[in-house]
Amino acid sequence: QDYPGICMCPEDHGKCDNNVCIPNESFCDGKDDCGDWSDEKESCNDCLAKMRFSGSKEICDGIEDCPNGEDETVELCGCPSDHFHCSDLSNQANDTNICQPMERLC
């Protein structure tokens, strides 16, 4: 169903690439519910793709919801507020990309 003029889909609905909202259970069900096939992508078995489609607030919430933790990676979420990346401070691309506790900052 199309919801013109709104940015978010109703609860239990996901947003297609063309801004059509469909029920979450229609994601990757083998049918083109969106009208542009954006609900039937190759990443149908991907936990993070399903979470993104549904607009999940559980992405980057500090709790690993996907079996491999892909919804909480540093690359996706950044460091926690009490940590930093050395590379952010040094502007050196080859510097460590590991989150460091603020206590290590001097």
PDB file of N, CA and C in Angstrom:
ATOM      1  N   GLN A   1       0.847  -1.174   0.000  1.00  0.00           N
ATOM      2  CA  GLN A   1       0.000   0.000   0.000  1.00  0.00           C
ATOM      3  C   GLN A   1       0.889   1.233   0.000  1.00  0.00           C
ATOM      4  N   ASP A   2       0.469   2.284  -0.710  1.00  0.00           N
ATOM      5  CA  ASP A   2       1.233   3.515  -0.798  1.00  0.00           C
ATOM      6  C   ASP A   2       0.747   4.489   0.264  1.00  0.00           C
ATOM      7  N   TYR A   3       1.691   5.109   0.968  1.00  0.00           N
ATOM      8  CA  TYR A   3       1.374   6.102   1.987  1.00  0.00           C
ATOM      9  C   TYR A   3       2.055   7.408   1.584  1.00  0.00           C
ATOM     10  N   PRO A   4       1.455   8.169   0.647  1.00  0.00           N
ATOM     11  CA  PRO A   4       2.109   9.387   0.153  1.00  0.00           C
ATOM     12  C   PRO A   4       2.258  10.431   1.255  1.00  0.00           C
ATOM     13  N   GLY A   5       3.378  11.137   1.194  1.00  0.00           N
ATOM     14  CA  GLY A   5       3.600  12.232   2.115  1.00  0.00           C
ATOM     15  C   GLY A   5       4.126  11.840   3.480  1.00  0.00           C
ATOM     16  N   ILE A   6       4.402  10.552   3.714  1.00  0.00           N
ATOM     17  CA  ILE A   6       4.979  10.160   4.995  1.00  0.00           C
ATOM     18  C   ILE A   6       6.342   9.519   4.772  1.00  0.00           C
ATOM     19  N   CYS A   7       7.192   9.654   5.753  1.00  0.00           N
ATOM     20  CA  CYS A   7       8.548   9.111   5.646  1.00  0.00           C
ATOM     21  C   CYS A   7       8.667   7.719   6.235  1.00  0.00           C
ATOM     22  N   MET A   8       7.761   7.377   7.111  1.00  0.00           N
ATOM     23  CA  MET A   8       7.832   6.098   7.805  1.00  0.00           C
ATOM     24  C   MET A   8       6.621   5.249   7.434  1.00  0.00           C
ATOM     25  N   CYS A   9       6.825   3.963   7.438  1.00  0.00           N
ATOM     26  CA  CYS A   9       5.711   3.047   7.213  1.00  0.00           C
ATOM     27  C   CYS A   9       5.034   2.739   8.542  1.00  0.00           C
ATOM     28  N   PRO A  10       3.788   2.298   8.485  1.00  0.00           N
ATOM     29  CA  PRO A  10       3.110   1.901   9.719  1.00  0.00           C
ATOM     30  C   PRO A  10       3.846   0.740  10.391  1.00  0.00           C
ATOM     31  N   GLU A  11       3.556   0.533  11.656  1.00  0.00           N
ATOM     32  CA  GLU A  11       4.169  -0.566  12.395  1.00  0.00           C
ATOM     33  C   GLU A  11       3.906  -1.885  11.673  1.00  0.00           C
ATOM     34  N   ASP A  12       4.876  -2.770  11.711  1.00  0.00           N
ATOM     35  CA  ASP A  12       4.804  -4.086  11.068  1.00  0.00           C
ATOM     36  C   ASP A  12       4.796  -4.012   9.549  1.00  0.00           C
ATOM     37  N   HIS A  13       5.260  -2.890   8.981  1.00  0.00           N
ATOM     38  CA  HIS A  13       5.397  -2.723   7.538  1.00  0.00           C
ATOM     39  C   HIS A  13       6.824  -2.289   7.235  1.00  0.00           C
ATOM     40  N   GLY A  14       7.294  -2.653   6.046  1.00  0.00           N
ATOM     41  CA  GLY A  14       8.605  -2.232   5.584  1.00  0.00           C
ATOM     42  C   GLY A  14       8.462  -1.336   4.381  1.00  0.00           C
ATOM     43  N   LYS A  15       9.511  -0.544   4.110  1.00  0.00           N
ATOM     44  CA  LYS A  15       9.472   0.400   2.992  1.00  0.00           C
ATOM     45  C   LYS A  15      10.273  -0.135   1.818  1.00  0.00           C
ATOM     46  N   CYS A  16       9.641  -0.179   0.673  1.00  0.00           N
ATOM     47  CA  CYS A  16      10.281  -0.593  -0.570  1.00  0.00           C
ATOM     48  C   CYS A  16      11.148   0.558  -1.093  1.00  0.00           C
ATOM     49  N   ASP A  17      12.002   0.260  -2.063  1.00  0.00           N
ATOM     50  CA  ASP A  17      12.851   1.287  -2.658  1.00  0.00           C
ATOM     51  C   ASP A  17      12.031   2.390  -3.321  1.00  0.00           C
ATOM     52  N   ASN A  18      10.811   2.080  -3.732  1.00  0.00           N
ATOM     53  CA  ASN A  18       9.947   3.064  -4.393  1.00  0.00           C
ATOM     54  C   ASN A  18       8.975   3.726  -3.404  1.00  0.00           C
ATOM     55  N   ASN A  19       9.258   3.595  -2.098  1.00  0.00           N
ATOM     56  CA  ASN A  19       8.478   4.194  -0.998  1.00  0.00           C
ATOM     57  C   ASN A  19       7.110   3.570  -0.768  1.00  0.00           C
ATOM     58  N   VAL A  20       6.844   2.441  -1.371  1.00  0.00           N
ATOM     59  CA  VAL A  20       5.612   1.707  -1.086  1.00  0.00           C
ATOM     60  C   VAL A  20       5.829   0.932   0.210  1.00  0.00           C
ATOM     61  N   CYS A  21       4.836   0.919   1.087  1.00  0.00           N
ATOM     62  CA  CYS A  21       4.911   0.165   2.334  1.00  0.00           C
ATOM     63  C   CYS A  21       4.168  -1.160   2.169  1.00  0.00           C
ATOM     64  N   ILE A  22       4.817  -2.233   2.600  1.00  0.00           N
ATOM     65  CA  ILE A  22       4.183  -3.553   2.546  1.00  0.00           C
ATOM     66  C   ILE A  22       4.360  -4.226   3.908  1.00  0.00           C
ATOM     67  N   PRO A  23       3.513  -5.177   4.245  1.00  0.00           N
ATOM     68  CA  PRO A  23       3.681  -5.896   5.515  1.00  0.00           C
ATOM     69  C   PRO A  23       5.033  -6.608   5.562  1.00  0.00           C
ATOM     70  N   ASN A  24       5.656  -6.610   6.736  1.00  0.00           N
ATOM     71  CA  ASN A  24       6.971  -7.250   6.888  1.00  0.00           C
ATOM     72  C   ASN A  24       6.979  -8.692   6.414  1.00  0.00           C
ATOM     73  N   GLU A  25       5.888  -9.415   6.616  1.00  0.00           N
ATOM     74  CA  GLU A  25       5.871 -10.821   6.214  1.00  0.00           C
ATOM     75  C   GLU A  25       5.886 -10.999   4.692  1.00  0.00           C
ATOM     76  N   SER A  26       5.681  -9.904   3.939  1.00  0.00           N
ATOM     77  CA  SER A  26       5.732  -9.981   2.478  1.00  0.00           C
ATOM     78  C   SER A  26       7.153  -9.844   1.942  1.00  0.00           C
ATOM     79  N   PHE A  27       8.106  -9.477   2.810  1.00  0.00           N
ATOM     80  CA  PHE A  27       9.502  -9.354   2.402  1.00  0.00           C
ATOM     81  C   PHE A  27      10.038 -10.735   2.057  1.00  0.00           C
ATOM     82  N   CYS A  28      10.533 -10.875   0.838  1.00  0.00           N
ATOM     83  CA  CYS A  28      11.145 -12.118   0.364  1.00  0.00           C
ATOM     84  C   CYS A  28      10.197 -13.315   0.416  1.00  0.00           C
ATOM     85  N   ASP A  29       8.972 -13.097  -0.021  1.00  0.00           N
ATOM     86  CA  ASP A  29       8.001 -14.199  -0.068  1.00  0.00           C
ATOM     87  C   ASP A  29       7.859 -14.774  -1.473  1.00  0.00           C
ATOM     88  N   GLY A  30       8.734 -14.331  -2.393  1.00  0.00           N
ATOM     89  CA  GLY A  30       8.708 -14.840  -3.760  1.00  0.00           C
ATOM     90  C   GLY A  30       7.794 -14.064  -4.691  1.00  0.00           C
ATOM     91  N   LYS A  31       7.085 -13.065  -4.178  1.00  0.00           N
ATOM     92  CA  LYS A  31       6.184 -12.250  -4.997  1.00  0.00           C
ATOM     93  C   LYS A  31       6.653 -10.798  -4.982  1.00  0.00           C
ATOM     94  N   ASP A  32       6.456 -10.115  -6.094  1.00  0.00           N
ATOM     95  CA  ASP A  32       6.825  -8.701  -6.204  1.00  0.00           C
ATOM     96  C   ASP A  32       5.733  -7.833  -5.577  1.00  0.00           C
ATOM     97  N   ASP A  33       5.753  -7.747  -4.269  1.00  0.00           N
ATOM     98  CA  ASP A  33       4.744  -6.963  -3.558  1.00  0.00           C
ATOM     99  C   ASP A  33       4.991  -5.460  -3.695  1.00  0.00           C
ATOM    100  N   CYS A  34       6.233  -5.065  -3.905  1.00  0.00           N
ATOM    101  CA  CYS A  34       6.576  -3.645  -4.009  1.00  0.00           C
ATOM    102  C   CYS A  34       6.251  -3.064  -5.386  1.00  0.00           C
ATOM    103  N   GLY A  35       6.270  -3.900  -6.399  1.00  0.00           N
ATOM    104  CA  GLY A  35       6.072  -3.407  -7.757  1.00  0.00           C
ATOM    105  C   GLY A  35       7.377  -3.065  -8.448  1.00  0.00           C
ATOM    106  N   ASP A  36       8.494  -3.109  -7.703  1.00  0.00           N
ATOM    107  CA  ASP A  36       9.812  -2.852  -8.297  1.00  0.00           C
ATOM    108  C   ASP A  36      10.812  -3.952  -7.919  1.00  0.00           C
ATOM    109  N   TRP A  37      10.322  -5.017  -7.328  1.00  0.00           N
ATOM    110  CA  TRP A  37      11.094  -6.184  -6.893  1.00  0.00           C
ATOM    111  C   TRP A  37      12.055  -5.871  -5.750  1.00  0.00           C
ATOM    112  N   SER A  38      11.967  -4.702  -5.127  1.00  0.00           N
ATOM    113  CA  SER A  38      12.918  -4.377  -4.060  1.00  0.00           C
ATOM    114  C   SER A  38      12.682  -5.195  -2.793  1.00  0.00           C
ATOM    115  N   ASP A  39      11.561  -5.908  -2.723  1.00  0.00           N
ATOM    116  CA  ASP A  39      11.324  -6.805  -1.585  1.00  0.00           C
ATOM    117  C   ASP A  39      11.776  -8.230  -1.882  1.00  0.00           C
ATOM    118  N   GLU A  40      12.370  -8.437  -3.041  1.00  0.00           N
ATOM    119  CA  GLU A  40      12.791  -9.784  -3.465  1.00  0.00           C
ATOM    120  C   GLU A  40      14.240  -9.773  -3.933  1.00  0.00           C
ATOM    121  N   LYS A  41      15.103  -9.128  -3.179  1.00  0.00           N
ATOM    122  CA  LYS A  41      16.514  -9.023  -3.553  1.00  0.00           C
ATOM    123  C   LYS A  41      17.266 -10.305  -3.235  1.00  0.00           C
ATOM    124  N   GLU A  42      18.502 -10.387  -3.717  1.00  0.00           N
ATOM    125  CA  GLU A  42      19.338 -11.564  -3.475  1.00  0.00           C
ATOM    126  C   GLU A  42      19.651 -11.749  -2.000  1.00  0.00           C
ATOM    127  N   SER A  43      19.542 -10.679  -1.216  1.00  0.00           N
ATOM    128  CA  SER A  43      19.910 -10.739   0.201  1.00  0.00           C
ATOM    129  C   SER A  43      18.752 -11.173   1.096  1.00  0.00           C
ATOM    130  N   CYS A  44      17.825 -11.948   0.557  1.00  0.00           N
ATOM    131  CA  CYS A  44      16.640 -12.352   1.316  1.00  0.00           C
ATOM    132  C   CYS A  44      16.957 -13.107   2.604  1.00  0.00           C
ATOM    133  N   ASN A  45      18.033 -13.859   2.626  1.00  0.00           N
ATOM    134  CA  ASN A  45      18.372 -14.626   3.819  1.00  0.00           C
ATOM    135  C   ASN A  45      19.264 -13.845   4.781  1.00  0.00           C
ATOM    136  N   ASP A  46      19.558 -12.604   4.444  1.00  0.00           N
ATOM    137  CA  ASP A  46      20.453 -11.779   5.238  1.00  0.00           C
ATOM    138  C   ASP A  46      19.688 -11.100   6.373  1.00  0.00           C
ATOM    139  N   CYS A  47      20.093 -11.359   7.596  1.00  0.00           N
ATOM    140  CA  CYS A  47      19.417 -10.820   8.775  1.00  0.00           C
ATOM    141  C   CYS A  47      19.389  -9.293   8.759  1.00  0.00           C
ATOM    142  N   LEU A  48      20.522  -8.663   8.443  1.00  0.00           N
ATOM    143  CA  LEU A  48      20.592  -7.205   8.442  1.00  0.00           C
ATOM    144  C   LEU A  48      19.696  -6.605   7.352  1.00  0.00           C
ATOM    145  N   ALA A  49      19.606  -7.262   6.195  1.00  0.00           N
ATOM    146  CA  ALA A  49      18.726  -6.772   5.127  1.00  0.00           C
ATOM    147  C   ALA A  49      17.272  -6.783   5.582  1.00  0.00           C
ATOM    148  N   LYS A  50      16.893  -7.839   6.273  1.00  0.00           N
ATOM    149  CA  LYS A  50      15.519  -7.913   6.793  1.00  0.00           C
ATOM    150  C   LYS A  50      15.263  -6.822   7.820  1.00  0.00           C
ATOM    151  N   MET A  51      16.238  -6.577   8.685  1.00  0.00           N
ATOM    152  CA  MET A  51      16.081  -5.542   9.708  1.00  0.00           C
ATOM    153  C   MET A  51      15.993  -4.157   9.076  1.00  0.00           C
ATOM    154  N   ARG A  52      16.828  -3.907   8.069  1.00  0.00           N
ATOM    155  CA  ARG A  52      16.793  -2.603   7.389  1.00  0.00           C
ATOM    156  C   ARG A  52      15.464  -2.390   6.683  1.00  0.00           C
ATOM    157  N   PHE A  53      14.953  -3.427   6.040  1.00  0.00           N
ATOM    158  CA  PHE A  53      13.681  -3.316   5.329  1.00  0.00           C
ATOM    159  C   PHE A  53      12.564  -2.915   6.285  1.00  0.00           C
ATOM    160  N   SER A  54      12.548  -3.523   7.444  1.00  0.00           N
ATOM    161  CA  SER A  54      11.469  -3.266   8.389  1.00  0.00           C
ATOM    162  C   SER A  54      11.690  -1.998   9.202  1.00  0.00           C
ATOM    163  N   GLY A  55      12.817  -1.307   8.972  1.00  0.00           N
ATOM    164  CA  GLY A  55      13.093  -0.089   9.720  1.00  0.00           C
ATOM    165  C   GLY A  55      13.357  -0.356  11.191  1.00  0.00           C
ATOM    166  N   SER A  56      13.958  -1.488  11.463  1.00  0.00           N
ATOM    167  CA  SER A  56      14.155  -1.940  12.846  1.00  0.00           C
ATOM    168  C   SER A  56      14.971  -0.947  13.664  1.00  0.00           C
ATOM    169  N   LYS A  57      14.489  -0.672  14.839  1.00  0.00           N
ATOM    170  CA  LYS A  57      15.210   0.172  15.791  1.00  0.00           C
ATOM    171  C   LYS A  57      16.243  -0.657  16.553  1.00  0.00           C
ATOM    172  N   GLU A  58      16.326  -1.945  16.250  1.00  0.00           N
ATOM    173  CA  GLU A  58      17.261  -2.833  16.927  1.00  0.00           C
ATOM    174  C   GLU A  58      18.648  -2.814  16.288  1.00  0.00           C
ATOM    175  N   ILE A  59      18.804  -2.127  15.158  1.00  0.00           N
ATOM    176  CA  ILE A  59      20.117  -1.993  14.531  1.00  0.00           C
ATOM    177  C   ILE A  59      20.908  -0.978  15.358  1.00  0.00           C
ATOM    178  N   CYS A  60      22.114  -1.353  15.734  1.00  0.00           N
ATOM    179  CA  CYS A  60      23.011  -0.501  16.523  1.00  0.00           C
ATOM    180  C   CYS A  60      22.411  -0.117  17.873  1.00  0.00           C
ATOM    181  N   ASP A  61      21.720  -1.057  18.513  1.00  0.00           N
ATOM    182  CA  ASP A  61      21.165  -0.783  19.838  1.00  0.00           C
ATOM    183  C   ASP A  61      22.005  -1.407  20.953  1.00  0.00           C
ATOM    184  N   GLY A  62      23.169  -1.982  20.573  1.00  0.00           N
ATOM    185  CA  GLY A  62      24.050  -2.591  21.565  1.00  0.00           C
ATOM    186  C   GLY A  62      23.751  -4.054  21.836  1.00  0.00           C
ATOM    187  N   ILE A  63      22.720  -4.605  21.226  1.00  0.00           N
ATOM    188  CA  ILE A  63      22.353  -6.013  21.410  1.00  0.00           C
ATOM    189  C   ILE A  63      22.447  -6.713  20.065  1.00  0.00           C
ATOM    190  N   GLU A  64      23.202  -7.786  19.983  1.00  0.00           N
ATOM    191  CA  GLU A  64      23.347  -8.533  18.732  1.00  0.00           C
ATOM    192  C   GLU A  64      22.087  -9.345  18.479  1.00  0.00           C
ATOM    193  N   ASP A  65      21.321  -8.941  17.476  1.00  0.00           N
ATOM    194  CA  ASP A  65      20.098  -9.656  17.113  1.00  0.00           C
ATOM    195  C   ASP A  65      20.340 -10.649  15.992  1.00  0.00           C
ATOM    196  N   CYS A  66      21.309 -10.389  15.129  1.00  0.00           N
ATOM    197  CA  CYS A  66      21.654 -11.306  14.046  1.00  0.00           C
ATOM    198  C   CYS A  66      22.639 -12.347  14.574  1.00  0.00           C
ATOM    199  N   PRO A  67      22.557 -13.584  14.069  1.00  0.00           N
ATOM    200  CA  PRO A  67      23.435 -14.653  14.561  1.00  0.00           C
ATOM    201  C   PRO A  67      24.923 -14.310  14.500  1.00  0.00           C
ATOM    202  N   ASN A  68      25.343 -13.567  13.481  1.00  0.00           N
ATOM    203  CA  ASN A  68      26.765 -13.233  13.343  1.00  0.00           C
ATOM    204  C   ASN A  68      27.083 -11.837  13.874  1.00  0.00           C
ATOM    205  N   GLY A  69      26.112 -11.162  14.503  1.00  0.00           N
ATOM    206  CA  GLY A  69      26.341  -9.846  15.091  1.00  0.00           C
ATOM    207  C   GLY A  69      26.448  -8.718  14.092  1.00  0.00           C
ATOM    208  N   GLU A  70      26.055  -8.957  12.830  1.00  0.00           N
ATOM    209  CA  GLU A  70      26.234  -7.947  11.787  1.00  0.00           C
ATOM    210  C   GLU A  70      25.416  -6.677  12.017  1.00  0.00           C
ATOM    211  N   ASP A  71      24.441  -6.718  12.913  1.00  0.00           N
ATOM    212  CA  ASP A  71      23.637  -5.531  13.201  1.00  0.00           C
ATOM    213  C   ASP A  71      24.295  -4.632  14.244  1.00  0.00           C
ATOM    214  N   GLU A  72      25.477  -5.025  14.734  1.00  0.00           N
ATOM    215  CA  GLU A  72      26.154  -4.252  15.777  1.00  0.00           C
ATOM    216  C   GLU A  72      27.638  -4.043  15.478  1.00  0.00           C
ATOM    217  N   THR A  73      28.056  -4.151  14.215  1.00  0.00           N
ATOM    218  CA  THR A  73      29.477  -4.017  13.899  1.00  0.00           C
ATOM    219  C   THR A  73      29.933  -2.565  14.034  1.00  0.00           C
ATOM    220  N   VAL A  74      31.220  -2.390  14.298  1.00  0.00           N
ATOM    221  CA  VAL A  74      31.807  -1.056  14.394  1.00  0.00           C
ATOM    222  C   VAL A  74      31.684  -0.336  13.053  1.00  0.00           C
ATOM    223  N   GLU A  75      31.831  -1.072  11.954  1.00  0.00           N
ATOM    224  CA  GLU A  75      31.726  -0.460  10.629  1.00  0.00           C
ATOM    225  C   GLU A  75      30.330   0.130  10.406  1.00  0.00           C
ATOM    226  N   LEU A  76      29.327  -0.523  10.914  1.00  0.00           N
ATOM    227  CA  LEU A  76      27.948  -0.068  10.751  1.00  0.00           C
ATOM    228  C   LEU A  76      27.570   0.975  11.799  1.00  0.00           C
ATOM    229  N   CYS A  77      27.942   0.750  13.032  1.00  0.00           N
ATOM    230  CA  CYS A  77      27.443   1.553  14.153  1.00  0.00           C
ATOM    231  C   CYS A  77      28.433   2.574  14.693  1.00  0.00           C
ATOM    232  N   GLY A  78      29.715   2.397  14.390  1.00  0.00           N
ATOM    233  CA  GLY A  78      30.713   3.271  14.989  1.00  0.00           C
ATOM    234  C   GLY A  78      31.050   2.801  16.398  1.00  0.00           C
ATOM    235  N   CYS A  79      31.881   3.559  17.071  1.00  0.00           N
ATOM    236  CA  CYS A  79      32.289   3.214  18.435  1.00  0.00           C
ATOM    237  C   CYS A  79      31.231   3.686  19.424  1.00  0.00           C
ATOM    238  N   PRO A  80      31.173   3.035  20.583  1.00  0.00           N
ATOM    239  CA  PRO A  80      30.308   3.556  21.655  1.00  0.00           C
ATOM    240  C   PRO A  80      30.769   4.959  22.051  1.00  0.00           C
ATOM    241  N   SER A  81      29.926   5.702  22.718  1.00  0.00           N
ATOM    242  CA  SER A  81      30.234   7.099  23.044  1.00  0.00           C
ATOM    243  C   SER A  81      31.458   7.260  23.940  1.00  0.00           C
ATOM    244  N   ASP A  82      31.824   6.241  24.685  1.00  0.00           N
ATOM    245  CA  ASP A  82      32.986   6.341  25.566  1.00  0.00           C
ATOM    246  C   ASP A  82      34.241   5.711  24.947  1.00  0.00           C
ATOM    247  N   HIS A  83      34.245   5.575  23.608  1.00  0.00           N
ATOM    248  CA  HIS A  83      35.381   5.017  22.871  1.00  0.00           C
ATOM    249  C   HIS A  83      35.687   5.905  21.664  1.00  0.00           C
ATOM    250  N   PHE A  84      36.841   5.662  21.025  1.00  0.00           N
ATOM    251  CA  PHE A  84      37.231   6.419  19.839  1.00  0.00           C
ATOM    252  C   PHE A  84      38.050   5.534  18.910  1.00  0.00           C
ATOM    253  N   HIS A  85      38.181   5.966  17.652  1.00  0.00           N
ATOM    254  CA  HIS A  85      39.072   5.334  16.673  1.00  0.00           C
ATOM    255  C   HIS A  85      40.333   6.188  16.584  1.00  0.00           C
ATOM    256  N   CYS A  86      41.484   5.580  16.658  1.00  0.00           N
ATOM    257  CA  CYS A  86      42.734   6.324  16.475  1.00  0.00           C
ATOM    258  C   CYS A  86      42.765   6.989  15.098  1.00  0.00           C
ATOM    259  N   SER A  87      42.255   6.280  14.104  1.00  0.00           N
ATOM    260  CA  SER A  87      42.281   6.809  12.738  1.00  0.00           C
ATOM    261  C   SER A  87      41.459   8.084  12.595  1.00  0.00           C
ATOM    262  N   ASP A  88      40.412   8.246  13.432  1.00  0.00           N
ATOM    263  CA  ASP A  88      39.616   9.475  13.383  1.00  0.00           C
ATOM    264  C   ASP A  88      40.424  10.672  13.866  1.00  0.00           C
ATOM    265  N   LEU A  89      41.327  10.448  14.796  1.00  0.00           N
ATOM    266  CA  LEU A  89      42.126  11.531  15.359  1.00  0.00           C
ATOM    267  C   LEU A  89      43.390  11.807  14.555  1.00  0.00           C
ATOM    268  N   SER A  90      43.985  10.757  14.009  1.00  0.00           N
ATOM    269  CA  SER A  90      45.266  10.909  13.305  1.00  0.00           C
ATOM    270  C   SER A  90      45.089  11.246  11.829  1.00  0.00           C
ATOM    271  N   ASN A  91      43.887  10.989  11.286  1.00  0.00           N
ATOM    272  CA  ASN A  91      43.625  11.139   9.851  1.00  0.00           C
ATOM    273  C   ASN A  91      44.530  10.260   9.001  1.00  0.00           C
ATOM    274  N   GLN A  92      45.017   9.177   9.587  1.00  0.00           N
ATOM    275  CA  GLN A  92      45.840   8.213   8.870  1.00  0.00           C
ATOM    276  C   GLN A  92      44.992   6.987   8.574  1.00  0.00           C
ATOM    277  N   ALA A  93      44.748   6.718   7.314  1.00  0.00           N
ATOM    278  CA  ALA A  93      43.887   5.606   6.918  1.00  0.00           C
ATOM    279  C   ALA A  93      44.412   4.262   7.410  1.00  0.00           C
ATOM    280  N   ASN A  94      45.733   4.141   7.575  1.00  0.00           N
ATOM    281  CA  ASN A  94      46.306   2.856   7.988  1.00  0.00           C
ATOM    282  C   ASN A  94      46.379   2.716   9.513  1.00  0.00           C
ATOM    283  N   ASP A  95      45.905   3.708  10.266  1.00  0.00           N
ATOM    284  CA  ASP A  95      45.880   3.628  11.722  1.00  0.00           C
ATOM    285  C   ASP A  95      44.803   2.629  12.146  1.00  0.00           C
ATOM    286  N   THR A  96      44.885   2.157  13.360  1.00  0.00           N
ATOM    287  CA  THR A  96      43.973   1.120  13.837  1.00  0.00           C
ATOM    288  C   THR A  96      42.513   1.568  13.781  1.00  0.00           C
ATOM    289  N   ASN A  97      41.661   0.647  13.380  1.00  0.00           N
ATOM    290  CA  ASN A  97      40.226   0.908  13.287  1.00  0.00           C
ATOM    291  C   ASN A  97      39.486   0.250  14.454  1.00  0.00           C
ATOM    292  N   ILE A  98      40.223  -0.077  15.513  1.00  0.00           N
ATOM    293  CA  ILE A  98      39.645  -0.705  16.685  1.00  0.00           C
ATOM    294  C   ILE A  98      39.180   0.388  17.646  1.00  0.00           C
ATOM    295  N   CYS A  99      38.001   0.213  18.211  1.00  0.00           N
ATOM    296  CA  CYS A  99      37.500   1.171  19.192  1.00  0.00           C
ATOM    297  C   CYS A  99      38.362   1.100  20.450  1.00  0.00           C
ATOM    298  N   GLN A 100      38.851   2.246  20.867  1.00  0.00           N
ATOM    299  CA  GLN A 100      39.685   2.347  22.057  1.00  0.00           C
ATOM    300  C   GLN A 100      38.923   3.090  23.153  1.00  0.00           C
ATOM    301  N   PRO A 101      39.081   2.701  24.414  1.00  0.00           N
ATOM    302  CA  PRO A 101      38.409   3.438  25.490  1.00  0.00           C
ATOM    303  C   PRO A 101      39.006   4.838  25.628  1.00  0.00           C
ATOM    304  N   MET A 102      38.184   5.807  26.009  1.00  0.00           N
ATOM    305  CA  MET A 102      38.620   7.194  26.154  1.00  0.00           C
ATOM    306  C   MET A 102      39.779   7.337  27.136  1.00  0.00           C
ATOM    307  N   GLU A 103      39.895   6.417  28.113  1.00  0.00           N
ATOM    308  CA  GLU A 103      40.983   6.490  29.075  1.00  0.00           C
ATOM    309  C   GLU A 103      42.350   6.403  28.399  1.00  0.00           C
ATOM    310  N   ARG A 104      42.391   5.830  27.209  1.00  0.00           N
ATOM    311  CA  ARG A 104      43.666   5.707  26.485  1.00  0.00           C
ATOM    312  C   ARG A 104      44.052   6.990  25.749  1.00  0.00           C
ATOM    313  N   LEU A 105      43.138   7.937  25.676  1.00  0.00           N
ATOM    314  CA  LEU A 105      43.417   9.206  24.991  1.00  0.00           C
ATOM    315  C   LEU A 105      44.264  10.082  25.891  1.00  0.00           C
ATOM    316  N   CYS A 106      45.378  10.603  25.350  1.00  0.00           N
ATOM    317  CA  CYS A 106      46.237  11.460  26.172  1.00  0.00           C
ATOM    318  C   CYS A 106      46.475  12.789  25.490  1.00  0.00           C
TER     319      CYS A 106
END
